[in-house]
């Protein structure tokens, strides 16, 4: 089901799709070879997000705290597709470079 795809990554060396419900899922097991599905941060007491959902101009946490992070104040001029999520071409925080 394409609506459930959260990441396209290599799993055991093969390009695979991983469910969006596995992003930031609290388990010690890694699915993607590079572990990208586990790169999650506590944004507030009630909100933990994958880093690719921060600074994306979409409200994911209460009070829009995911868009008010300090790293969101300095972004690239160019855009690219982030590996996680399906939010189109976005700028990147400069601190990621």
N, C-alpha and C. Protein backbone atom coordinates (compact mmCIF):
# COMPACT_ATOMS: atom_id res chain seq x y z
N UNK A 1 0.85 -1.18 0.00
CA UNK A 1 0.00 0.00 0.00
C UNK A 1 0.90 1.25 0.00
N UNK A 2 0.96 1.98 -1.10
CA UNK A 2 1.84 3.15 -1.20
C UNK A 2 1.58 4.23 -0.14
N UNK A 3 0.37 4.32 0.38
CA UNK A 3 0.08 5.35 1.38
C UNK A 3 0.74 5.06 2.72
N UNK A 4 1.24 3.87 2.91
CA UNK A 4 1.89 3.50 4.17
C UNK A 4 3.42 3.59 4.11
N UNK A 5 3.96 3.89 2.93
CA UNK A 5 5.41 3.94 2.78
C UNK A 5 5.96 5.20 3.43
N UNK A 6 6.91 5.02 4.32
CA UNK A 6 7.54 6.15 5.00
C UNK A 6 8.96 6.38 4.55
N UNK A 7 9.64 5.29 4.16
CA UNK A 7 11.04 5.35 3.76
C UNK A 7 11.28 4.34 2.66
N UNK A 8 12.11 4.71 1.72
CA UNK A 8 12.66 3.75 0.77
C UNK A 8 14.15 3.68 1.10
N UNK A 9 14.60 2.50 1.50
CA UNK A 9 15.99 2.34 1.91
C UNK A 9 16.46 0.94 1.58
N UNK A 10 17.73 0.70 1.76
CA UNK A 10 18.26 -0.65 1.56
C UNK A 10 18.09 -1.45 2.85
N UNK A 11 17.52 -2.65 2.69
CA UNK A 11 17.37 -3.60 3.79
C UNK A 11 18.09 -4.87 3.35
N UNK A 12 19.12 -5.23 4.08
CA UNK A 12 19.96 -6.37 3.73
C UNK A 12 20.51 -6.23 2.31
N UNK A 13 20.80 -4.99 1.92
CA UNK A 13 21.39 -4.73 0.62
C UNK A 13 20.41 -4.56 -0.52
N UNK A 14 19.13 -4.76 -0.28
CA UNK A 14 18.11 -4.64 -1.32
C UNK A 14 17.24 -3.42 -1.08
N UNK A 15 16.95 -2.66 -2.13
CA UNK A 15 16.08 -1.50 -2.01
C UNK A 15 14.68 -1.95 -1.62
N UNK A 16 14.17 -1.41 -0.53
CA UNK A 16 12.89 -1.84 0.03
C UNK A 16 12.10 -0.65 0.53
N UNK A 17 10.83 -0.85 0.75
CA UNK A 17 9.99 0.17 1.38
C UNK A 17 9.77 -0.22 2.83
N UNK A 18 9.71 0.80 3.69
CA UNK A 18 9.48 0.59 5.11
C UNK A 18 8.27 1.43 5.50
N UNK A 19 7.38 0.85 6.27
CA UNK A 19 6.15 1.51 6.69
C UNK A 19 6.43 2.80 7.47
N UNK A 20 5.60 3.81 7.24
CA UNK A 20 5.72 5.06 8.00
C UNK A 20 5.50 4.83 9.49
N UNK A 21 4.85 3.73 9.84
CA UNK A 21 4.61 3.42 11.24
C UNK A 21 5.85 2.89 11.95
N UNK A 22 6.90 2.59 11.20
CA UNK A 22 8.16 2.12 11.78
C UNK A 22 9.15 3.25 12.00
N UNK A 23 8.83 4.45 11.51
CA UNK A 23 9.70 5.60 11.74
C UNK A 23 9.62 5.98 13.21
N UNK A 24 10.73 6.03 13.87
CA UNK A 24 10.82 6.36 15.30
C UNK A 24 10.12 5.34 16.20
N UNK A 25 9.85 4.16 15.68
CA UNK A 25 9.22 3.11 16.48
C UNK A 25 10.18 2.69 17.57
N UNK A 26 9.67 2.56 18.78
CA UNK A 26 10.53 2.27 19.93
C UNK A 26 10.89 0.78 19.98
N UNK A 27 11.93 0.44 19.27
CA UNK A 27 12.49 -0.91 19.29
C UNK A 27 13.99 -0.78 19.10
N UNK A 28 14.72 -1.75 19.57
CA UNK A 28 16.17 -1.71 19.43
C UNK A 28 16.63 -2.23 18.07
N UNK A 29 15.71 -2.85 17.33
CA UNK A 29 16.08 -3.42 16.04
C UNK A 29 16.14 -2.35 14.96
N UNK A 30 17.15 -2.45 14.14
CA UNK A 30 17.33 -1.55 13.00
C UNK A 30 16.78 -2.23 11.77
N UNK A 31 16.01 -1.50 10.95
CA UNK A 31 15.44 -2.07 9.73
C UNK A 31 16.30 -1.70 8.53
N UNK A 32 16.47 -0.42 8.28
CA UNK A 32 17.28 0.04 7.15
C UNK A 32 18.76 -0.21 7.45
N UNK A 33 19.51 -0.54 6.41
CA UNK A 33 20.93 -0.81 6.61
C UNK A 33 21.65 0.36 7.26
N UNK A 34 21.24 1.59 6.93
CA UNK A 34 21.89 2.77 7.49
C UNK A 34 21.22 3.29 8.77
N UNK A 35 20.13 2.64 9.21
CA UNK A 35 19.45 3.02 10.45
C UNK A 35 18.70 4.35 10.39
N UNK A 36 18.43 4.85 9.18
CA UNK A 36 17.82 6.18 9.04
C UNK A 36 16.45 6.27 9.74
N UNK A 37 15.74 5.18 9.86
CA UNK A 37 14.42 5.23 10.50
C UNK A 37 14.49 5.53 11.98
N UNK A 38 15.68 5.46 12.56
CA UNK A 38 15.89 5.66 14.00
C UNK A 38 16.41 7.05 14.38
N UNK A 39 16.61 7.94 13.42
CA UNK A 39 17.20 9.25 13.70
C UNK A 39 16.09 10.20 14.17
N UNK A 40 15.71 10.03 15.43
CA UNK A 40 14.57 10.75 16.00
C UNK A 40 15.00 11.57 17.22
N UNK A 41 14.31 12.68 17.42
CA UNK A 41 14.69 13.59 18.50
C UNK A 41 13.46 14.00 19.31
N UNK A 42 13.62 14.09 20.63
CA UNK A 42 12.53 14.63 21.46
C UNK A 42 12.47 16.15 21.27
N UNK A 43 11.42 16.63 20.65
CA UNK A 43 11.25 18.05 20.36
C UNK A 43 10.65 18.76 21.57
N UNK A 44 9.74 18.07 22.24
CA UNK A 44 9.11 18.59 23.46
C UNK A 44 8.76 17.37 24.32
N UNK A 45 8.18 17.59 25.47
CA UNK A 45 7.81 16.48 26.35
C UNK A 45 6.81 15.53 25.68
N UNK A 46 5.99 16.08 24.79
CA UNK A 46 4.94 15.27 24.17
C UNK A 46 5.18 14.96 22.70
N UNK A 47 6.34 15.31 22.16
CA UNK A 47 6.55 15.14 20.73
C UNK A 47 7.98 14.69 20.41
N UNK A 48 8.09 13.53 19.78
CA UNK A 48 9.35 13.03 19.26
C UNK A 48 9.18 12.87 17.76
N UNK A 49 10.13 13.40 17.00
CA UNK A 49 10.03 13.39 15.53
C UNK A 49 11.30 12.88 14.89
N UNK A 50 11.13 12.34 13.70
CA UNK A 50 12.28 12.04 12.88
C UNK A 50 12.90 13.36 12.45
N UNK A 51 14.20 13.41 12.32
CA UNK A 51 14.87 14.68 12.00
C UNK A 51 14.38 15.25 10.67
N UNK A 52 13.95 14.45 9.73
CA UNK A 52 13.49 14.96 8.43
C UNK A 52 12.12 15.63 8.50
N UNK A 53 11.44 15.53 9.64
CA UNK A 53 10.16 16.22 9.82
C UNK A 53 10.32 17.55 10.56
N UNK A 54 11.56 17.88 10.93
CA UNK A 54 11.85 19.15 11.59
C UNK A 54 12.19 20.18 10.50
N UNK A 55 11.75 21.40 10.67
CA UNK A 55 12.06 22.49 9.73
C UNK A 55 11.54 22.19 8.32
N UNK A 56 10.34 21.65 8.22
CA UNK A 56 9.77 21.31 6.91
C UNK A 56 8.52 22.13 6.58
N UNK A 57 8.26 23.16 7.39
CA UNK A 57 7.10 24.04 7.21
C UNK A 57 5.75 23.36 7.42
N UNK A 58 5.76 22.21 8.08
CA UNK A 58 4.52 21.53 8.44
C UNK A 58 4.49 21.34 9.95
N UNK A 59 3.37 21.66 10.54
CA UNK A 59 3.22 21.52 11.99
C UNK A 59 3.03 20.06 12.34
N UNK A 60 3.98 19.51 13.08
CA UNK A 60 3.89 18.13 13.54
C UNK A 60 3.72 18.04 15.05
N UNK A 61 4.09 19.07 15.77
CA UNK A 61 4.01 19.10 17.23
C UNK A 61 3.11 20.24 17.68
N UNK A 62 2.59 20.10 18.89
CA UNK A 62 1.78 21.18 19.47
C UNK A 62 2.57 22.48 19.46
N UNK A 63 1.88 23.56 19.26
CA UNK A 63 2.45 24.90 19.26
C UNK A 63 3.54 25.08 18.21
N UNK A 64 3.59 24.17 17.23
CA UNK A 64 4.52 24.30 16.11
C UNK A 64 5.99 24.31 16.54
N UNK A 65 6.29 23.66 17.68
CA UNK A 65 7.65 23.71 18.20
C UNK A 65 8.67 23.06 17.27
N UNK A 66 8.22 22.15 16.41
CA UNK A 66 9.16 21.51 15.47
C UNK A 66 9.66 22.48 14.42
N UNK A 67 8.92 23.55 14.17
CA UNK A 67 9.32 24.56 13.20
C UNK A 67 10.01 25.76 13.86
N UNK A 68 10.00 25.79 15.18
CA UNK A 68 10.61 26.90 15.92
C UNK A 68 11.97 26.54 16.51
N UNK A 69 12.51 25.40 16.13
CA UNK A 69 13.82 24.98 16.62
C UNK A 69 14.89 25.94 16.12
N UNK A 70 15.92 26.13 16.89
CA UNK A 70 17.01 27.04 16.53
C UNK A 70 17.63 26.67 15.18
N UNK A 71 17.76 25.38 14.88
CA UNK A 71 18.37 24.98 13.61
C UNK A 71 17.55 25.40 12.40
N UNK A 72 16.27 25.70 12.59
CA UNK A 72 15.40 26.11 11.47
C UNK A 72 15.66 27.54 11.02
N UNK A 73 16.40 28.31 11.80
CA UNK A 73 16.62 29.72 11.47
C UNK A 73 17.64 29.92 10.35
N UNK A 74 18.50 28.94 10.10
CA UNK A 74 19.50 29.04 9.03
C UNK A 74 19.36 27.83 8.12
N UNK A 75 18.84 28.07 6.91
CA UNK A 75 18.58 26.98 5.98
C UNK A 75 19.26 27.22 4.64
N UNK A 76 19.41 26.15 3.88
CA UNK A 76 20.01 26.25 2.55
C UNK A 76 19.10 27.05 1.63
N UNK A 77 19.68 27.62 0.59
CA UNK A 77 18.88 28.30 -0.42
C UNK A 77 18.27 27.28 -1.38
N UNK A 78 19.02 26.25 -1.71
CA UNK A 78 18.53 25.20 -2.60
C UNK A 78 17.68 24.19 -1.86
N UNK A 79 17.00 23.35 -2.62
CA UNK A 79 16.14 22.33 -2.02
C UNK A 79 16.55 20.94 -2.50
N UNK A 80 16.09 19.94 -1.77
CA UNK A 80 16.27 18.55 -2.18
C UNK A 80 15.19 17.71 -1.51
N UNK A 81 15.07 16.48 -1.97
CA UNK A 81 14.09 15.55 -1.39
C UNK A 81 14.73 14.90 -0.18
N UNK A 82 14.08 15.02 0.96
CA UNK A 82 14.57 14.35 2.16
C UNK A 82 14.24 12.87 2.06
N UNK A 83 15.09 12.05 2.61
CA UNK A 83 14.96 10.60 2.47
C UNK A 83 13.71 10.04 3.16
N UNK A 84 13.34 10.62 4.28
CA UNK A 84 12.20 10.13 5.06
C UNK A 84 11.00 11.04 4.85
N UNK A 85 9.84 10.44 4.69
CA UNK A 85 8.62 11.20 4.47
C UNK A 85 8.41 11.47 2.99
N UNK A 86 7.29 12.04 2.69
CA UNK A 86 6.96 12.33 1.30
C UNK A 86 6.50 13.78 1.22
N UNK A 87 7.38 14.69 1.54
CA UNK A 87 7.00 16.09 1.64
C UNK A 87 7.59 16.95 0.54
N UNK A 88 8.08 16.34 -0.51
CA UNK A 88 8.56 17.10 -1.65
C UNK A 88 9.94 17.69 -1.44
N UNK A 89 10.27 18.65 -2.28
CA UNK A 89 11.57 19.32 -2.24
C UNK A 89 11.58 20.36 -1.11
N UNK A 90 12.56 20.26 -0.23
CA UNK A 90 12.63 21.14 0.95
C UNK A 90 14.05 21.67 1.12
N UNK A 91 14.16 22.80 1.80
CA UNK A 91 15.48 23.29 2.21
C UNK A 91 15.97 22.43 3.36
N UNK A 92 17.24 22.54 3.68
CA UNK A 92 17.84 21.81 4.78
C UNK A 92 18.44 22.78 5.78
N UNK A 93 18.35 22.45 7.07
CA UNK A 93 19.07 23.27 8.04
C UNK A 93 20.58 23.21 7.75
N UNK A 94 21.23 24.33 7.81
CA UNK A 94 22.67 24.38 7.51
C UNK A 94 23.47 23.49 8.46
N UNK A 95 22.98 23.29 9.67
CA UNK A 95 23.70 22.47 10.64
C UNK A 95 23.77 21.00 10.23
N UNK A 96 22.96 20.59 9.27
CA UNK A 96 23.01 19.21 8.79
C UNK A 96 24.11 18.98 7.77
N UNK A 97 24.66 20.05 7.24
CA UNK A 97 25.66 19.91 6.17
C UNK A 97 27.05 19.68 6.71
